[in-house]
Structure formats: C-alpha cells, structure tokens
Full PDB file with SEQRES, HELIX, SHEET, SSBOND, CRYST1, ORIGX, SCALE, CONECT and MASTER records, all heavy atoms in Angstrom:
SEQRES   1 A   31  ASP LEU VAL GLY PHE THR THR ASP ARG LYS PRO ARG TYR          
SEQRES   2 A   31  ARG CYS ILE TYR VAL LEU ASN GLU SER SER GLU ALA PHE          
SEQRES   3 A   31  VAL LEU VAL THR THR                                          
SHEET    1 AA1 2 LEU A   2  PHE A   5  0                                        
SHEET    2 AA1 2 PRO A  11  TYR A  13 -1                                        
SHEET    1 AA2 2 ILE A  16  VAL A  18  0                                        
SHEET    2 AA2 2 ALA A  25  VAL A  27 -1                                        
CRYST1    1.000    1.000    1.000  90.00  90.00  90.00 P 1           1          
ORIGX1      1.000000  0.000000  0.000000        0.00000                         
ORIGX2      0.000000  1.000000  0.000000        0.00000                         
ORIGX3      0.000000  0.000000  1.000000        0.00000                         
SCALE1      1.000000  0.000000  0.000000        0.00000                         
SCALE2      0.000000  1.000000  0.000000        0.00000                         
SCALE3      0.000000  0.000000  1.000000        0.00000                         
ATOM      1  N   ASP A   1      -6.534  -3.366 -90.373  1.00  0.00           N  
ATOM      2  CA  ASP A   1      -5.637  -4.444 -89.985  1.00  0.00           C  
ATOM      3  C   ASP A   1      -5.844  -4.796 -88.539  1.00  0.00           C  
ATOM      4  O   ASP A   1      -5.804  -3.939 -87.666  1.00  0.00           O  
ATOM      5  CB  ASP A   1      -4.169  -4.053 -90.189  1.00  0.00           C  
ATOM      6  CG  ASP A   1      -3.795  -3.942 -91.638  1.00  0.00           C  
ATOM      7  OD1 ASP A   1      -4.428  -4.561 -92.470  1.00  0.00           O  
ATOM      8  OD2 ASP A   1      -2.826  -3.208 -91.921  1.00  0.00           O  
ATOM      9  N   LEU A   2      -5.977  -6.076 -88.283  1.00  0.00           N  
ATOM     10  CA  LEU A   2      -6.010  -6.576 -86.913  1.00  0.00           C  
ATOM     11  C   LEU A   2      -4.612  -6.448 -86.354  1.00  0.00           C  
ATOM     12  O   LEU A   2      -3.667  -7.027 -86.888  1.00  0.00           O  
ATOM     13  CB  LEU A   2      -6.469  -8.039 -86.869  1.00  0.00           C  
ATOM     14  CG  LEU A   2      -6.482  -8.748 -85.538  1.00  0.00           C  
ATOM     15  CD1 LEU A   2      -7.470  -8.069 -84.583  1.00  0.00           C  
ATOM     16  CD2 LEU A   2      -6.807 -10.195 -85.706  1.00  0.00           C  
ATOM     17  N   VAL A   3      -4.420  -5.640 -85.281  1.00  0.00           N  
ATOM     18  CA  VAL A   3      -3.093  -5.394 -84.774  1.00  0.00           C  
ATOM     19  C   VAL A   3      -2.893  -5.925 -83.359  1.00  0.00           C  
ATOM     20  O   VAL A   3      -1.774  -5.875 -82.837  1.00  0.00           O  
ATOM     21  CB  VAL A   3      -2.725  -3.907 -84.793  1.00  0.00           C  
ATOM     22  CG1 VAL A   3      -2.648  -3.397 -86.223  1.00  0.00           C  
ATOM     23  CG2 VAL A   3      -3.684  -3.079 -83.987  1.00  0.00           C  
ATOM     24  N   GLY A   4      -3.910  -6.434 -82.727  1.00  0.00           N  
ATOM     25  CA  GLY A   4      -3.782  -6.949 -81.378  1.00  0.00           C  
ATOM     26  C   GLY A   4      -5.116  -7.135 -80.724  1.00  0.00           C  
ATOM     27  O   GLY A   4      -6.188  -7.042 -81.381  1.00  0.00           O  
ATOM     28  N   PHE A   5      -5.070  -7.399 -79.426  1.00  0.00           N  
ATOM     29  CA  PHE A   5      -6.287  -7.630 -78.660  1.00  0.00           C  
ATOM     30  C   PHE A   5      -6.211  -6.847 -77.353  1.00  0.00           C  
ATOM     31  O   PHE A   5      -5.100  -6.621 -76.826  1.00  0.00           O  
ATOM     32  CB  PHE A   5      -6.463  -9.114 -78.362  1.00  0.00           C  
ATOM     33  CG  PHE A   5      -6.716  -9.966 -79.573  1.00  0.00           C  
ATOM     34  CD1 PHE A   5      -5.676 -10.428 -80.329  1.00  0.00           C  
ATOM     35  CD2 PHE A   5      -8.016 -10.223 -79.975  1.00  0.00           C  
ATOM     36  CE1 PHE A   5      -5.916 -11.187 -81.467  1.00  0.00           C  
ATOM     37  CE2 PHE A   5      -8.269 -10.995 -81.090  1.00  0.00           C  
ATOM     38  CZ  PHE A   5      -7.207 -11.468 -81.858  1.00  0.00           C  
ATOM     39  N   THR A   6      -7.367  -6.474 -76.832  1.00  0.00           N  
ATOM     40  CA  THR A   6      -7.418  -5.824 -75.531  1.00  0.00           C  
ATOM     41  C   THR A   6      -7.157  -6.883 -74.464  1.00  0.00           C  
ATOM     42  O   THR A   6      -7.089  -8.086 -74.777  1.00  0.00           O  
ATOM     43  CB  THR A   6      -8.787  -5.186 -75.291  1.00  0.00           C  
ATOM     44  OG1 THR A   6      -9.801  -6.217 -75.300  1.00  0.00           O  
ATOM     45  CG2 THR A   6      -9.100  -4.116 -76.335  1.00  0.00           C  
ATOM     46  N   THR A   7      -7.030  -6.483 -73.229  1.00  0.00           N  
ATOM     47  CA  THR A   7      -6.770  -7.430 -72.143  1.00  0.00           C  
ATOM     48  C   THR A   7      -7.918  -8.405 -71.980  1.00  0.00           C  
ATOM     49  O   THR A   7      -7.690  -9.517 -71.514  1.00  0.00           O  
ATOM     50  CB  THR A   7      -6.559  -6.678 -70.803  1.00  0.00           C  
ATOM     51  OG1 THR A   7      -7.660  -5.820 -70.568  1.00  0.00           O  
ATOM     52  CG2 THR A   7      -5.253  -5.860 -70.839  1.00  0.00           C  
ATOM     53  N   ASP A   8      -9.131  -8.037 -72.394  1.00  0.00           N  
ATOM     54  CA  ASP A   8     -10.243  -8.989 -72.337  1.00  0.00           C  
ATOM     55  C   ASP A   8     -10.510  -9.640 -73.685  1.00  0.00           C  
ATOM     56  O   ASP A   8     -11.609 -10.088 -73.970  1.00  0.00           O  
ATOM     57  CB  ASP A   8     -11.506  -8.319 -71.796  1.00  0.00           C  
ATOM     58  CG  ASP A   8     -11.950  -7.122 -72.593  1.00  0.00           C  
ATOM     59  OD1 ASP A   8     -11.205  -6.645 -73.473  1.00  0.00           O  
ATOM     60  OD2 ASP A   8     -13.059  -6.633 -72.344  1.00  0.00           O  
ATOM     61  N   ARG A   9      -9.463  -9.720 -74.544  1.00  0.00           N  
ATOM     62  CA  ARG A   9      -9.431 -10.454 -75.795  1.00  0.00           C  
ATOM     63  C   ARG A   9     -10.347  -9.901 -76.889  1.00  0.00           C  
ATOM     64  O   ARG A   9     -10.770 -10.622 -77.802  1.00  0.00           O  
ATOM     65  CB  ARG A   9      -9.754 -11.937 -75.588  1.00  0.00           C  
ATOM     66  CG  ARG A   9      -8.798 -12.646 -74.613  1.00  0.00           C  
ATOM     67  CD  ARG A   9      -7.377 -12.707 -75.057  1.00  0.00           C  
ATOM     68  NE  ARG A   9      -7.229 -13.441 -76.335  1.00  0.00           N  
ATOM     69  CZ  ARG A   9      -6.238 -13.264 -77.179  1.00  0.00           C  
ATOM     70  NH1 ARG A   9      -5.311 -12.405 -76.912  1.00  0.00           N  
ATOM     71  NH2 ARG A   9      -6.199 -13.951 -78.305  1.00  0.00           N  
ATOM     72  N   LYS A  10     -10.641  -8.614 -76.854  1.00  0.00           N  
ATOM     73  CA  LYS A  10     -11.394  -7.999 -77.952  1.00  0.00           C  
ATOM     74  C   LYS A  10     -10.411  -7.520 -79.006  1.00  0.00           C  
ATOM     75  O   LYS A  10      -9.393  -6.938 -78.702  1.00  0.00           O  
ATOM     76  CB  LYS A  10     -12.238  -6.800 -77.462  1.00  0.00           C  
ATOM     77  CG  LYS A  10     -13.317  -7.257 -76.513  1.00  0.00           C  
ATOM     78  CD  LYS A  10     -14.139  -6.068 -76.041  1.00  0.00           C  
ATOM     79  CE  LYS A  10     -15.189  -6.585 -75.064  1.00  0.00           C  
ATOM     80  NZ  LYS A  10     -15.848  -5.435 -74.403  1.00  0.00           N  
ATOM     81  N   PRO A  11     -10.708  -7.824 -80.282  1.00  0.00           N  
ATOM     82  CA  PRO A  11      -9.762  -7.437 -81.326  1.00  0.00           C  
ATOM     83  C   PRO A  11      -9.661  -5.935 -81.522  1.00  0.00           C  
ATOM     84  O   PRO A  11     -10.619  -5.221 -81.317  1.00  0.00           O  
ATOM     85  CB  PRO A  11     -10.334  -8.089 -82.598  1.00  0.00           C  
ATOM     86  CG  PRO A  11     -11.773  -8.323 -82.279  1.00  0.00           C  
ATOM     87  CD  PRO A  11     -11.877  -8.496 -80.800  1.00  0.00           C  
ATOM     88  N   ARG A  12      -8.448  -5.456 -81.892  1.00  0.00           N  
ATOM     89  CA  ARG A  12      -8.205  -4.031 -82.138  1.00  0.00           C  
ATOM     90  C   ARG A  12      -7.647  -3.887 -83.582  1.00  0.00           C  
ATOM     91  O   ARG A  12      -6.844  -4.694 -84.009  1.00  0.00           O  
ATOM     92  CB  ARG A  12      -7.176  -3.484 -81.155  1.00  0.00           C  
ATOM     93  CG  ARG A  12      -7.538  -3.649 -79.707  1.00  0.00           C  
ATOM     94  CD  ARG A  12      -8.408  -2.563 -79.219  1.00  0.00           C  
ATOM     95  NE  ARG A  12      -7.586  -1.360 -79.081  1.00  0.00           N  
ATOM     96  CZ  ARG A  12      -8.084  -0.175 -78.796  1.00  0.00           C  
ATOM     97  NH1 ARG A  12      -9.360  -0.028 -78.632  1.00  0.00           N  
ATOM     98  NH2 ARG A  12      -7.318   0.866 -78.681  1.00  0.00           N  
ATOM     99  N   TYR A  13      -8.085  -2.854 -84.232  1.00  0.00           N  
ATOM    100  CA  TYR A  13      -7.723  -2.612 -85.627  1.00  0.00           C  
ATOM    101  C   TYR A  13      -7.139  -1.207 -85.815  1.00  0.00           C  
ATOM    102  O   TYR A  13      -7.570  -0.298 -85.120  1.00  0.00           O  
ATOM    103  CB  TYR A  13      -8.962  -2.740 -86.525  1.00  0.00           C  
ATOM    104  CG  TYR A  13      -9.586  -4.107 -86.493  1.00  0.00           C  
ATOM    105  CD1 TYR A  13     -10.508  -4.442 -85.477  1.00  0.00           C  
ATOM    106  CD2 TYR A  13      -9.272  -5.059 -87.456  1.00  0.00           C  
ATOM    107  CE1 TYR A  13     -11.086  -5.682 -85.454  1.00  0.00           C  
ATOM    108  CE2 TYR A  13      -9.872  -6.325 -87.389  1.00  0.00           C  
ATOM    109  CZ  TYR A  13     -10.754  -6.623 -86.410  1.00  0.00           C  
ATOM    110  OH  TYR A  13     -11.326  -7.859 -86.363  1.00  0.00           O  
ATOM    111  N   ARG A  14      -6.262  -1.078 -86.773  1.00  0.00           N  
ATOM    112  CA  ARG A  14      -5.846   0.255 -87.226  1.00  0.00           C  
ATOM    113  C   ARG A  14      -6.498   0.472 -88.588  1.00  0.00           C  
ATOM    114  O   ARG A  14      -6.854  -0.495 -89.312  1.00  0.00           O  
ATOM    115  CB  ARG A  14      -4.344   0.363 -87.318  1.00  0.00           C  
ATOM    116  CG  ARG A  14      -3.745  -0.498 -88.444  1.00  0.00           C  
ATOM    117  CD  ARG A  14      -2.295  -0.317 -88.585  1.00  0.00           C  
ATOM    118  NE  ARG A  14      -1.802  -1.254 -89.612  1.00  0.00           N  
ATOM    119  CZ  ARG A  14      -0.610  -1.179 -90.152  1.00  0.00           C  
ATOM    120  NH1 ARG A  14       0.209  -0.249 -89.801  1.00  0.00           N  
ATOM    121  NH2 ARG A  14      -0.269  -2.063 -91.064  1.00  0.00           N  
ATOM    122  N   CYS A  15      -6.654   1.698 -88.973  1.00  0.00           N  
ATOM    123  CA  CYS A  15      -7.263   2.069 -90.248  1.00  0.00           C  
ATOM    124  C   CYS A  15      -6.197   2.590 -91.206  1.00  0.00           C  
ATOM    125  O   CYS A  15      -5.447   3.511 -90.877  1.00  0.00           O  
ATOM    126  CB  CYS A  15      -8.332   3.136 -90.031  1.00  0.00           C  
ATOM    127  SG  CYS A  15      -9.146   3.629 -91.557  1.00  0.00           S  
ATOM    128  N   ILE A  16      -6.165   2.022 -92.382  1.00  0.00           N  
ATOM    129  CA  ILE A  16      -5.257   2.431 -93.448  1.00  0.00           C  
ATOM    130  C   ILE A  16      -6.090   3.010 -94.589  1.00  0.00           C  
ATOM    131  O   ILE A  16      -7.070   2.409 -95.039  1.00  0.00           O  
ATOM    132  CB  ILE A  16      -4.439   1.258 -94.000  1.00  0.00           C  
ATOM    133  CG1 ILE A  16      -3.745   0.472 -92.893  1.00  0.00           C  
ATOM    134  CG2 ILE A  16      -3.489   1.701 -95.109  1.00  0.00           C  
ATOM    135  CD1 ILE A  16      -2.663   1.254 -92.175  1.00  0.00           C  
ATOM    136  N   TYR A  17      -5.730   4.190 -95.048  1.00  0.00           N  
ATOM    137  CA  TYR A  17      -6.337   4.822 -96.200  1.00  0.00           C  
ATOM    138  C   TYR A  17      -5.352   4.743 -97.363  1.00  0.00           C  
ATOM    139  O   TYR A  17      -4.205   5.102 -97.203  1.00  0.00           O  
ATOM    140  CB  TYR A  17      -6.690   6.267 -95.943  1.00  0.00           C  
ATOM    141  CG  TYR A  17      -7.890   6.443 -95.040  1.00  0.00           C  
ATOM    142  CD1 TYR A  17      -7.763   6.610 -93.698  1.00  0.00           C  
ATOM    143  CD2 TYR A  17      -9.154   6.452 -95.585  1.00  0.00           C  
ATOM    144  CE1 TYR A  17      -8.871   6.777 -92.867  1.00  0.00           C  
ATOM    145  CE2 TYR A  17     -10.286   6.640 -94.800  1.00  0.00           C  
ATOM    146  CZ  TYR A  17     -10.124   6.783 -93.433  1.00  0.00           C  
ATOM    147  OH  TYR A  17     -11.226   6.921 -92.626  1.00  0.00           O  
ATOM    148  N   VAL A  18      -5.826   4.285 -98.532  1.00  0.00           N  
ATOM    149  CA  VAL A  18      -4.991   4.231 -99.720  1.00  0.00           C  
ATOM    150  C   VAL A  18      -5.634   5.069-100.802  1.00  0.00           C  
ATOM    151  O   VAL A  18      -6.795   4.849-101.172  1.00  0.00           O  
ATOM    152  CB  VAL A  18      -4.837   2.760-100.206  1.00  0.00           C  
ATOM    153  CG1 VAL A  18      -3.922   2.719-101.455  1.00  0.00           C  
ATOM    154  CG2 VAL A  18      -4.261   1.883 -99.103  1.00  0.00           C  
ATOM    155  N   LEU A  19      -4.852   6.073-101.292  1.00  0.00           N  
ATOM    156  CA  LEU A  19      -5.378   6.938-102.341  1.00  0.00           C  
ATOM    157  C   LEU A  19      -5.473   6.176-103.659  1.00  0.00           C  
ATOM    158  O   LEU A  19      -4.542   5.467-104.050  1.00  0.00           O  
ATOM    159  CB  LEU A  19      -4.463   8.149-102.550  1.00  0.00           C  
ATOM    160  CG  LEU A  19      -4.432   9.139-101.376  1.00  0.00           C  
ATOM    161  CD1 LEU A  19      -3.408  10.234-101.668  1.00  0.00           C  
ATOM    162  CD2 LEU A  19      -5.811   9.734-101.150  1.00  0.00           C  
ATOM    163  N   ASN A  20      -6.600   6.287-104.324  1.00  0.00           N  
ATOM    164  CA  ASN A  20      -6.818   5.593-105.588  1.00  0.00           C  
ATOM    165  C   ASN A  20      -5.839   6.067-106.646  1.00  0.00           C  
ATOM    166  O   ASN A  20      -5.317   5.269-107.441  1.00  0.00           O  
ATOM    167  CB  ASN A  20      -8.259   5.793-106.104  1.00  0.00           C  
ATOM    168  CG  ASN A  20      -9.270   5.108-105.241  1.00  0.00           C  
ATOM    169  OD1 ASN A  20      -8.932   4.260-104.418  1.00  0.00           O  
ATOM    170  ND2 ASN A  20     -10.526   5.467-105.415  1.00  0.00           N  
ATOM    171  N   GLU A  21      -5.576   7.385-106.702  1.00  0.00           N  
ATOM    172  CA  GLU A  21      -4.758   7.965-107.779  1.00  0.00           C  
ATOM    173  C   GLU A  21      -3.297   7.594-107.690  1.00  0.00           C  
ATOM    174  O   GLU A  21      -2.661   7.295-108.665  1.00  0.00           O  
ATOM    175  CB  GLU A  21      -4.931   9.473-107.780  1.00  0.00           C  
ATOM    176  CG  GLU A  21      -4.380  10.139-109.020  1.00  0.00           C  
ATOM    177  CD  GLU A  21      -4.738  11.619-109.033  1.00  0.00           C  
ATOM    178  OE1 GLU A  21      -5.923  11.926-109.226  1.00  0.00           O  
ATOM    179  OE2 GLU A  21      -3.820  12.441-108.839  1.00  0.00           O  
ATOM    180  N   SER A  22      -2.753   7.586-106.489  1.00  0.00           N  
ATOM    181  CA  SER A  22      -1.309   7.398-106.320  1.00  0.00           C  
ATOM    182  C   SER A  22      -0.942   6.128-105.635  1.00  0.00           C  
ATOM    183  O   SER A  22       0.236   5.763-105.576  1.00  0.00           O  
ATOM    184  CB  SER A  22      -0.722   8.571-105.541  1.00  0.00           C  
ATOM    185  OG  SER A  22      -1.191   8.562-104.221  1.00  0.00           O  
ATOM    186  N   SER A  23      -1.887   5.424-105.000  1.00  0.00           N  
ATOM    187  CA  SER A  23      -1.664   4.229-104.198  1.00  0.00           C  
ATOM    188  C   SER A  23      -0.844   4.514-102.949  1.00  0.00           C  
ATOM    189  O   SER A  23      -0.338   3.581-102.314  1.00  0.00           O  
ATOM    190  CB  SER A  23      -0.997   3.108-105.019  1.00  0.00           C  
ATOM    191  OG  SER A  23      -1.821   2.742-106.090  1.00  0.00           O  
ATOM    192  N   GLU A  24      -0.692   5.788-102.581  1.00  0.00           N  
ATOM    193  CA  GLU A  24       0.000   6.121-101.341  1.00  0.00           C  
ATOM    194  C   GLU A  24      -0.881   5.717-100.156  1.00  0.00           C  
ATOM    195  O   GLU A  24      -2.092   5.950-100.164  1.00  0.00           O  
ATOM    196  CB  GLU A  24       0.294   7.641-101.269  1.00  0.00           C  
ATOM    197  CG  GLU A  24       1.113   7.999-100.029  1.00  0.00           C  
ATOM    198  CD  GLU A  24       1.507   9.469 -99.993  1.00  0.00           C  
ATOM    199  OE1 GLU A  24       1.144  10.215-100.902  1.00  0.00           O  
ATOM    200  OE2 GLU A  24       2.148   9.844 -98.997  1.00  0.00           O  
ATOM    201  N   ALA A  25      -0.276   5.099 -99.158  1.00  0.00           N  
ATOM    202  CA  ALA A  25      -0.988   4.624 -97.995  1.00  0.00           C  
ATOM    203  C   ALA A  25      -0.750   5.503 -96.777  1.00  0.00           C  
ATOM    204  O   ALA A  25       0.369   5.979 -96.573  1.00  0.00           O  
ATOM    205  CB  ALA A  25      -0.584   3.173 -97.680  1.00  0.00           C  
ATOM    206  N   PHE A  26      -1.807   5.704 -96.005  1.00  0.00           N  
ATOM    207  CA  PHE A  26      -1.772   6.578 -94.826  1.00  0.00           C  
ATOM    208  C   PHE A  26      -2.359   5.780 -93.643  1.00  0.00           C  
ATOM    209  O   PHE A  26      -3.356   5.093 -93.817  1.00  0.00           O  
ATOM    210  CB  PHE A  26      -2.629   7.807 -95.021  1.00  0.00           C  
ATOM    211  CG  PHE A  26      -2.174   8.726 -96.074  1.00  0.00           C  
ATOM    212  CD1 PHE A  26      -2.409   8.421 -97.445  1.00  0.00           C  
ATOM    213  CD2 PHE A  26      -1.521   9.886 -95.773  1.00  0.00           C  
ATOM    214  CE1 PHE A  26      -2.005   9.289 -98.431  1.00  0.00           C  
ATOM    215  CE2 PHE A  26      -1.069  10.753 -96.773  1.00  0.00           C  
ATOM    216  CZ  PHE A  26      -1.314  10.435 -98.116  1.00  0.00           C  
ATOM    217  N   VAL A  27      -1.806   5.958 -92.467  1.00  0.00           N  
ATOM    218  CA  VAL A  27      -2.376   5.383 -91.254  1.00  0.00           C  
ATOM    219  C   VAL A  27      -3.103   6.488 -90.537  1.00  0.00           C  
ATOM    220  O   VAL A  27      -2.637   7.630 -90.454  1.00  0.00           O  
ATOM    221  CB  VAL A  27      -1.326   4.683 -90.347  1.00  0.00           C  
ATOM    222  CG1 VAL A  27      -0.316   5.676 -89.804  1.00  0.00           C  
ATOM    223  CG2 VAL A  27      -1.987   3.917 -89.213  1.00  0.00           C  
ATOM    224  N   LEU A  28      -4.295   6.196 -89.998  1.00  0.00           N  
ATOM    225  CA  LEU A  28      -5.073   7.173 -89.279  1.00  0.00           C  
ATOM    226  C   LEU A  28      -4.477   7.378 -87.881  1.00  0.00           C  
ATOM    227  O   LEU A  28      -4.278   6.402 -87.152  1.00  0.00           O  
ATOM    228  CB  LEU A  28      -6.526   6.700 -89.166  1.00  0.00           C  
ATOM    229  CG  LEU A  28      -7.499   7.686 -88.540  1.00  0.00           C  
ATOM    230  CD1 LEU A  28      -7.635   8.965 -89.387  1.00  0.00           C  
ATOM    231  CD2 LEU A  28      -8.872   7.036 -88.355  1.00  0.00           C  
ATOM    232  N   VAL A  29      -4.224   8.634 -87.554  1.00  0.00           N  
ATOM    233  CA  VAL A  29      -3.667   8.982 -86.261  1.00  0.00           C  
ATOM    234  C   VAL A  29      -4.607   9.951 -85.551  1.00  0.00           C  
ATOM    235  O   VAL A  29      -5.497  10.535 -86.169  1.00  0.00           O  
ATOM    236  CB  VAL A  29      -2.237   9.601 -86.353  1.00  0.00           C  
ATOM    237  CG1 VAL A  29      -1.262   8.577 -86.930  1.00  0.00           C  
ATOM    238  CG2 VAL A  29      -2.247  10.870 -87.175  1.00  0.00           C  
ATOM    239  N   THR A  30      -4.405  10.138 -84.267  1.00  0.00           N  
ATOM    240  CA  THR A  30      -5.212  11.049 -83.504  1.00  0.00           C  
ATOM    241  C   THR A  30      -5.027  12.484 -83.959  1.00  0.00           C  
ATOM    242  O   THR A  30      -3.964  12.844 -84.473  1.00  0.00           O  
ATOM    243  CB  THR A  30      -4.846  10.965 -81.993  1.00  0.00           C  
ATOM    244  OG1 THR A  30      -3.459  11.248 -81.859  1.00  0.00           O  
ATOM    245  CG2 THR A  30      -5.181   9.614 -81.413  1.00  0.00           C  
ATOM    246  N   THR A  31      -6.060  13.289 -83.785  1.00  0.00           N  
ATOM    247  CA  THR A  31      -6.000  14.712 -84.177  1.00  0.00           C  
ATOM    248  C   THR A  31      -5.162  15.495 -83.220  1.00  0.00           C  
ATOM    249  O   THR A  31      -4.360  16.347 -83.628  1.00  0.00           O  
ATOM    250  CB  THR A  31      -7.432  15.274 -84.267  1.00  0.00           C  
ATOM    251  OG1 THR A  31      -8.164  14.526 -85.222  1.00  0.00           O  
ATOM    252  CG2 THR A  31      -7.425  16.716 -84.691  1.00  0.00           C  
TER     253      THR A  31                                                      
MASTER        0    0    0    0    4    0    0    6  252    1    0    3          
END                                                                             
C-alpha cells in the first residue's frame, strides 16, 4: 500500500501479508 511520500517526493509503501488459508492479514514490522 502506498502510505505516503518522503520529503523528496519518493513514494513509500507498507507490506501486507494475507494468509491464503484464513485470509488473516498481517503488516510487516521491524524485527
């Protein structure tokens, strides 16, 4: 998902994982 832009107008995205079996959605976070 496009969630915003950097100060120099480069697009930023978050990553969503959706499990095929349950359709549960997860957002990728830092380790």
